[in-house]
Amino acid sequence: MALLPILEVPDPRLRQKARPVAAVDARVAALLEDMLETMYAAPGIGLAAPQIGVDERIVVVDVAAKEEEPNPIRLINPEVVETSGEPVEAEEGCLSLPNQFAPVKRPSQVTVRFLDEAGREQRIEADGLLARCLLHEIDHLDGILFTDHLSRLKREMLMKKLDKQRRQRAG
């Protein structure tokens, strides 16, 4: 396994729509494990392949609390089948926008169809944090960032904070 570099905004690869995985094979299995290792080390609760510069529809998530056993979910070619429930606003962050957070409104429930690491079709019905995380990561596969769900003013403020943080790190 290997730690992979995580792309940060404004890298243009984060805005590209990822292509479907043609075959679930040993390369994809190894990538899934590298993505999990990278996500845990960041630390984060989700990571999409475009965030590590891989143009494929692959996502890993794990919303288990720190004191719980890890419960990773590996999703290949995930697609949202249905969303339901009252939209809920909650704070989101992203490994591609380090230390930046903002409230985002998303559906409270989601059903996702995907292939697992063995290439079998699966469905997951999720609510709460898992639903939010799945929707956030699947957005990445379509070149959408959580900041795209914000008003222009909030997005610009967040980007200014990110630029200031980068200048402080560099200097």
C-alpha atoms as a PDB file:
ATOM      1  CA  MET A   1       0.000   0.000   0.000  1.00  0.00           C
ATOM      2  CA  ALA A   2       1.052   3.571  -0.595  1.00  0.00           C
ATOM      3  CA  LEU A   3       0.145   7.056   0.537  1.00  0.00           C
ATOM      4  CA  LEU A   4      -0.933   9.094  -2.473  1.00  0.00           C
ATOM      5  CA  PRO A   5      -0.723  12.882  -2.886  1.00  0.00           C
ATOM      6  CA  ILE A   6      -4.107  14.602  -2.652  1.00  0.00           C
ATOM      7  CA  LEU A   7      -4.806  17.277  -5.256  1.00  0.00           C
ATOM      8  CA  GLU A   8      -5.909  20.659  -3.995  1.00  0.00           C
ATOM      9  CA  VAL A   9      -8.089  23.361  -5.523  1.00  0.00           C
ATOM     10  CA  PRO A  10      -7.555  24.913  -8.094  1.00  0.00           C
ATOM     11  CA  ASP A  11      -6.080  21.811  -9.789  1.00  0.00           C
ATOM     12  CA  PRO A  12      -8.131  21.473 -13.016  1.00  0.00           C
ATOM     13  CA  ARG A  13      -8.274  17.668 -12.684  1.00  0.00           C
ATOM     14  CA  LEU A  14     -10.728  18.165  -9.815  1.00  0.00           C
ATOM     15  CA  ARG A  15     -13.190  19.677 -12.303  1.00  0.00           C
ATOM     16  CA  GLN A  16     -13.162  16.825 -14.831  1.00  0.00           C
ATOM     17  CA  LYS A  17     -15.887  14.215 -15.052  1.00  0.00           C
ATOM     18  CA  ALA A  18     -14.326  10.822 -14.240  1.00  0.00           C
ATOM     19  CA  ARG A  19     -14.711   7.905 -16.628  1.00  0.00           C
ATOM     20  CA  PRO A  20     -16.291   4.572 -15.649  1.00  0.00           C
ATOM     21  CA  VAL A  21     -14.037   1.710 -14.573  1.00  0.00           C
ATOM     22  CA  ALA A  22     -14.037  -0.859 -17.397  1.00  0.00           C
ATOM     23  CA  ALA A  23     -12.922  -3.874 -15.349  1.00  0.00           C
ATOM     24  CA  VAL A  24     -12.552  -4.555 -11.654  1.00  0.00           C
ATOM     25  CA  ASP A  25      -9.122  -6.159 -11.485  1.00  0.00           C
ATOM     26  CA  ALA A  26      -6.001  -6.336  -9.309  1.00  0.00           C
ATOM     27  CA  ARG A  27      -4.997  -2.775 -10.294  1.00  0.00           C
ATOM     28  CA  VAL A  28      -8.344  -1.409  -9.087  1.00  0.00           C
ATOM     29  CA  ALA A  29      -8.156  -3.491  -5.889  1.00  0.00           C
ATOM     30  CA  ALA A  30      -4.685  -2.092  -5.135  1.00  0.00           C
ATOM     31  CA  LEU A  31      -5.874   1.450  -5.881  1.00  0.00           C
ATOM     32  CA  LEU A  32      -8.790   1.033  -3.459  1.00  0.00           C
ATOM     33  CA  GLU A  33      -6.411   0.003  -0.669  1.00  0.00           C
ATOM     34  CA  ASP A  34      -4.027   2.894  -1.445  1.00  0.00           C
ATOM     35  CA  MET A  35      -6.981   5.289  -1.390  1.00  0.00           C
ATOM     36  CA  LEU A  36      -8.121   3.984   2.001  1.00  0.00           C
ATOM     37  CA  GLU A  37      -4.620   4.342   3.441  1.00  0.00           C
ATOM     38  CA  THR A  38      -4.409   7.890   2.052  1.00  0.00           C
ATOM     39  CA  MET A  39      -7.870   8.811   3.387  1.00  0.00           C
ATOM     40  CA  TYR A  40      -7.130   7.497   6.894  1.00  0.00           C
ATOM     41  CA  ALA A  41      -3.744   9.266   6.997  1.00  0.00           C
ATOM     42  CA  ALA A  42      -5.187  12.637   5.862  1.00  0.00           C
ATOM     43  CA  PRO A  43      -7.383  12.146   8.042  1.00  0.00           C
ATOM     44  CA  GLY A  44     -10.717  12.064   6.235  1.00  0.00           C
ATOM     45  CA  ILE A  45     -13.948  10.104   5.934  1.00  0.00           C
ATOM     46  CA  GLY A  46     -14.106   9.939   2.135  1.00  0.00           C
ATOM     47  CA  LEU A  47     -11.880  10.116  -0.913  1.00  0.00           C
ATOM     48  CA  ALA A  48     -12.660  10.038  -4.628  1.00  0.00           C
ATOM     49  CA  ALA A  49     -10.161   8.920  -7.268  1.00  0.00           C
ATOM     50  CA  PRO A  50     -10.082  12.351  -9.002  1.00  0.00           C
ATOM     51  CA  GLN A  51      -8.704  13.789  -5.751  1.00  0.00           C
ATOM     52  CA  ILE A  52      -5.557  11.712  -6.259  1.00  0.00           C
ATOM     53  CA  GLY A  53      -5.360  12.468  -9.985  1.00  0.00           C
ATOM     54  CA  VAL A  54      -6.990   9.221 -11.156  1.00  0.00           C
ATOM     55  CA  ASP A  55      -9.655   9.779 -13.813  1.00  0.00           C
ATOM     56  CA  GLU A  56     -11.920   6.897 -12.753  1.00  0.00           C
ATOM     57  CA  ARG A  57     -15.235   6.548 -10.921  1.00  0.00           C
ATOM     58  CA  ILE A  58     -13.885   5.111  -7.658  1.00  0.00           C
ATOM     59  CA  VAL A  59     -14.739   6.207  -4.110  1.00  0.00           C
ATOM     60  CA  VAL A  60     -13.818   5.053  -0.610  1.00  0.00           C
ATOM     61  CA  VAL A  61     -15.633   6.126   2.555  1.00  0.00           C
ATOM     62  CA  ASP A  62     -15.555   5.261   6.233  1.00  0.00           C
ATOM     63  CA  VAL A  63     -17.722   7.231   8.649  1.00  0.00           C
ATOM     64  CA  ALA A  64     -16.992   5.032  11.699  1.00  0.00           C
ATOM     65  CA  ALA A  65     -16.189   7.073  14.789  1.00  0.00           C
ATOM     66  CA  LYS A  66     -12.560   7.120  15.927  1.00  0.00           C
ATOM     67  CA  GLU A  67     -13.312   4.781  18.840  1.00  0.00           C
ATOM     68  CA  GLU A  68     -15.097   2.269  16.555  1.00  0.00           C
ATOM     69  CA  GLU A  69     -13.622  -0.401  14.351  1.00  0.00           C
ATOM     70  CA  PRO A  70     -12.946   0.894  10.818  1.00  0.00           C
ATOM     71  CA  ASN A  71     -15.809   0.145   8.444  1.00  0.00           C
ATOM     72  CA  PRO A  72     -14.551   1.044   4.960  1.00  0.00           C
ATOM     73  CA  ILE A  73     -16.850   1.001   1.951  1.00  0.00           C
ATOM     74  CA  ARG A  74     -15.289   0.641  -1.501  1.00  0.00           C
ATOM     75  CA  LEU A  75     -17.419   1.850  -4.408  1.00  0.00           C
ATOM     76  CA  ILE A  76     -16.653   1.407  -8.095  1.00  0.00           C
ATOM     77  CA  ASN A  77     -18.808   3.219 -10.672  1.00  0.00           C
ATOM     78  CA  PRO A  78     -21.226   4.469  -7.997  1.00  0.00           C
ATOM     79  CA  GLU A  79     -24.413   6.129  -9.112  1.00  0.00           C
ATOM     80  CA  VAL A  80     -27.144   7.795  -7.123  1.00  0.00           C
ATOM     81  CA  VAL A  81     -30.367   5.881  -7.711  1.00  0.00           C
ATOM     82  CA  GLU A  82     -32.572   7.969  -5.441  1.00  0.00           C
ATOM     83  CA  THR A  83     -32.465  10.733  -2.870  1.00  0.00           C
ATOM     84  CA  SER A  84     -35.216  11.338  -0.345  1.00  0.00           C
ATOM     85  CA  GLY A  85     -36.017  12.887   2.982  1.00  0.00           C
ATOM     86  CA  GLU A  86     -35.938  16.492   4.035  1.00  0.00           C
ATOM     87  CA  PRO A  87     -32.789  18.320   2.932  1.00  0.00           C
ATOM     88  CA  VAL A  88     -30.463  18.854   5.865  1.00  0.00           C
ATOM     89  CA  GLU A  89     -27.818  21.541   6.229  1.00  0.00           C
ATOM     90  CA  ALA A  90     -24.557  20.470   7.866  1.00  0.00           C
ATOM     91  CA  GLU A  91     -20.937  21.557   7.818  1.00  0.00           C
ATOM     92  CA  GLU A  92     -18.748  19.942   5.162  1.00  0.00           C
ATOM     93  CA  GLY A  93     -15.051  19.988   4.486  1.00  0.00           C
ATOM     94  CA  CYS A  94     -12.875  18.435   1.814  1.00  0.00           C
ATOM     95  CA  LEU A  95      -9.359  17.049   1.677  1.00  0.00           C
ATOM     96  CA  SER A  96      -8.867  19.052  -1.547  1.00  0.00           C
ATOM     97  CA  LEU A  97      -9.665  22.291   0.332  1.00  0.00           C
ATOM     98  CA  PRO A  98      -7.706  21.757   3.564  1.00  0.00           C
ATOM     99  CA  ASN A  99      -9.146  23.236   6.761  1.00  0.00           C
ATOM    100  CA  GLN A 100     -12.061  24.907   4.959  1.00  0.00           C
ATOM    101  CA  PHE A 101     -15.612  24.207   6.110  1.00  0.00           C
ATOM    102  CA  ALA A 102     -19.054  25.507   5.240  1.00  0.00           C
ATOM    103  CA  PRO A 103     -22.685  24.483   5.724  1.00  0.00           C
ATOM    104  CA  VAL A 104     -24.114  22.583   2.735  1.00  0.00           C
ATOM    105  CA  LYS A 105     -27.714  21.482   2.252  1.00  0.00           C
ATOM    106  CA  ARG A 106     -28.121  17.915   0.955  1.00  0.00           C
ATOM    107  CA  PRO A 107     -30.850  15.260   0.886  1.00  0.00           C
ATOM    108  CA  SER A 108     -30.958  13.334   4.165  1.00  0.00           C
ATOM    109  CA  GLN A 109     -31.201   9.908   2.490  1.00  0.00           C
ATOM    110  CA  VAL A 110     -29.639   8.343  -0.583  1.00  0.00           C
ATOM    111  CA  THR A 111     -29.650   5.021  -2.409  1.00  0.00           C
ATOM    112  CA  VAL A 112     -26.470   4.260  -4.369  1.00  0.00           C
ATOM    113  CA  ARG A 113     -25.785   1.439  -6.825  1.00  0.00           C
ATOM    114  CA  PHE A 114     -22.138   0.422  -7.297  1.00  0.00           C
ATOM    115  CA  LEU A 115     -19.712  -2.415  -7.899  1.00  0.00           C
ATOM    116  CA  ASP A 116     -17.777  -3.737  -4.919  1.00  0.00           C
ATOM    117  CA  GLU A 117     -14.097  -4.743  -4.947  1.00  0.00           C
ATOM    118  CA  ALA A 118     -15.068  -8.186  -6.327  1.00  0.00           C
ATOM    119  CA  GLY A 119     -17.001  -6.606  -9.220  1.00  0.00           C
ATOM    120  CA  ARG A 120     -20.423  -7.549  -7.805  1.00  0.00           C
ATOM    121  CA  GLU A 121     -23.284  -5.078  -8.120  1.00  0.00           C
ATOM    122  CA  GLN A 122     -24.393  -3.731  -4.745  1.00  0.00           C
ATOM    123  CA  ARG A 123     -26.869  -1.188  -3.402  1.00  0.00           C
ATOM    124  CA  ILE A 124     -26.568   0.834  -0.262  1.00  0.00           C
ATOM    125  CA  GLU A 125     -29.283   2.864   1.418  1.00  0.00           C
ATOM    126  CA  ALA A 126     -27.822   5.512   3.674  1.00  0.00           C
ATOM    127  CA  ASP A 127     -28.881   8.417   5.816  1.00  0.00           C
ATOM    128  CA  GLY A 128     -27.157  10.937   8.035  1.00  0.00           C
ATOM    129  CA  LEU A 129     -23.401  11.327   7.758  1.00  0.00           C
ATOM    130  CA  LEU A 130     -22.975   8.346   5.417  1.00  0.00           C
ATOM    131  CA  ALA A 131     -25.541   9.766   2.969  1.00  0.00           C
ATOM    132  CA  ARG A 132     -23.799  13.160   3.048  1.00  0.00           C
ATOM    133  CA  CYS A 133     -20.367  11.580   2.557  1.00  0.00           C
ATOM    134  CA  LEU A 134     -21.545   9.436  -0.374  1.00  0.00           C
ATOM    135  CA  LEU A 135     -23.171  12.421  -2.096  1.00  0.00           C
ATOM    136  CA  HIS A 136     -20.055  14.563  -1.516  1.00  0.00           C
ATOM    137  CA  GLU A 137     -17.698  11.930  -2.959  1.00  0.00           C
ATOM    138  CA  ILE A 138     -19.935  11.079  -5.926  1.00  0.00           C
ATOM    139  CA  ASP A 139     -20.046  14.825  -6.690  1.00  0.00           C
ATOM    140  CA  HIS A 140     -16.236  14.648  -7.030  1.00  0.00           C
ATOM    141  CA  LEU A 141     -16.666  12.059  -9.801  1.00  0.00           C
ATOM    142  CA  ASP A 142     -18.625  14.670 -11.758  1.00  0.00           C
ATOM    143  CA  GLY A 143     -16.153  17.505 -11.134  1.00  0.00           C
ATOM    144  CA  ILE A 144     -18.345  19.098  -8.460  1.00  0.00           C
ATOM    145  CA  LEU A 145     -16.883  20.448  -5.214  1.00  0.00           C
ATOM    146  CA  PHE A 146     -18.839  21.160  -2.032  1.00  0.00           C
ATOM    147  CA  THR A 147     -18.138  24.852  -2.628  1.00  0.00           C
ATOM    148  CA  ASP A 148     -20.329  24.650  -5.744  1.00  0.00           C
ATOM    149  CA  HIS A 149     -23.308  24.237  -3.385  1.00  0.00           C
ATOM    150  CA  LEU A 150     -22.536  27.577  -1.698  1.00  0.00           C
ATOM    151  CA  SER A 151     -23.565  31.087  -2.660  1.00  0.00           C
ATOM    152  CA  ARG A 152     -21.027  32.998  -4.733  1.00  0.00           C
ATOM    153  CA  LEU A 153     -20.203  35.223  -1.772  1.00  0.00           C
ATOM    154  CA  LYS A 154     -19.602  32.300   0.626  1.00  0.00           C
ATOM    155  CA  ARG A 155     -17.521  30.497  -2.013  1.00  0.00           C
ATOM    156  CA  GLU A 156     -15.343  33.573  -2.613  1.00  0.00           C
ATOM    157  CA  MET A 157     -14.826  34.072   1.134  1.00  0.00           C
ATOM    158  CA  LEU A 158     -13.800  30.445   1.558  1.00  0.00           C
ATOM    159  CA  MET A 159     -11.362  30.636  -1.370  1.00  0.00           C
ATOM    160  CA  LYS A 160      -9.788  33.809   0.090  1.00  0.00           C
ATOM    161  CA  LYS A 161      -9.300  32.007   3.407  1.00  0.00           C
ATOM    162  CA  LEU A 162      -7.717  29.060   1.566  1.00  0.00           C
ATOM    163  CA  ASP A 163      -5.346  31.384  -0.345  1.00  0.00           C
ATOM    164  CA  LYS A 164      -4.359  33.141   2.890  1.00  0.00           C
ATOM    165  CA  GLN A 165      -3.686  29.792   4.553  1.00  0.00           C
ATOM    166  CA  ARG A 166      -1.479  28.719   1.628  1.00  0.00           C
ATOM    167  CA  ARG A 167       0.520  31.961   1.765  1.00  0.00           C
ATOM    168  CA  GLN A 168       1.081  31.475   5.497  1.00  0.00           C
ATOM    169  CA  ARG A 169       2.269  27.889   4.927  1.00  0.00           C
ATOM    170  CA  ALA A 170       4.615  28.990   2.138  1.00  0.00           C
ATOM    171  CA  GLY A 171       6.069  31.977   3.915  1.00  0.00           C
END
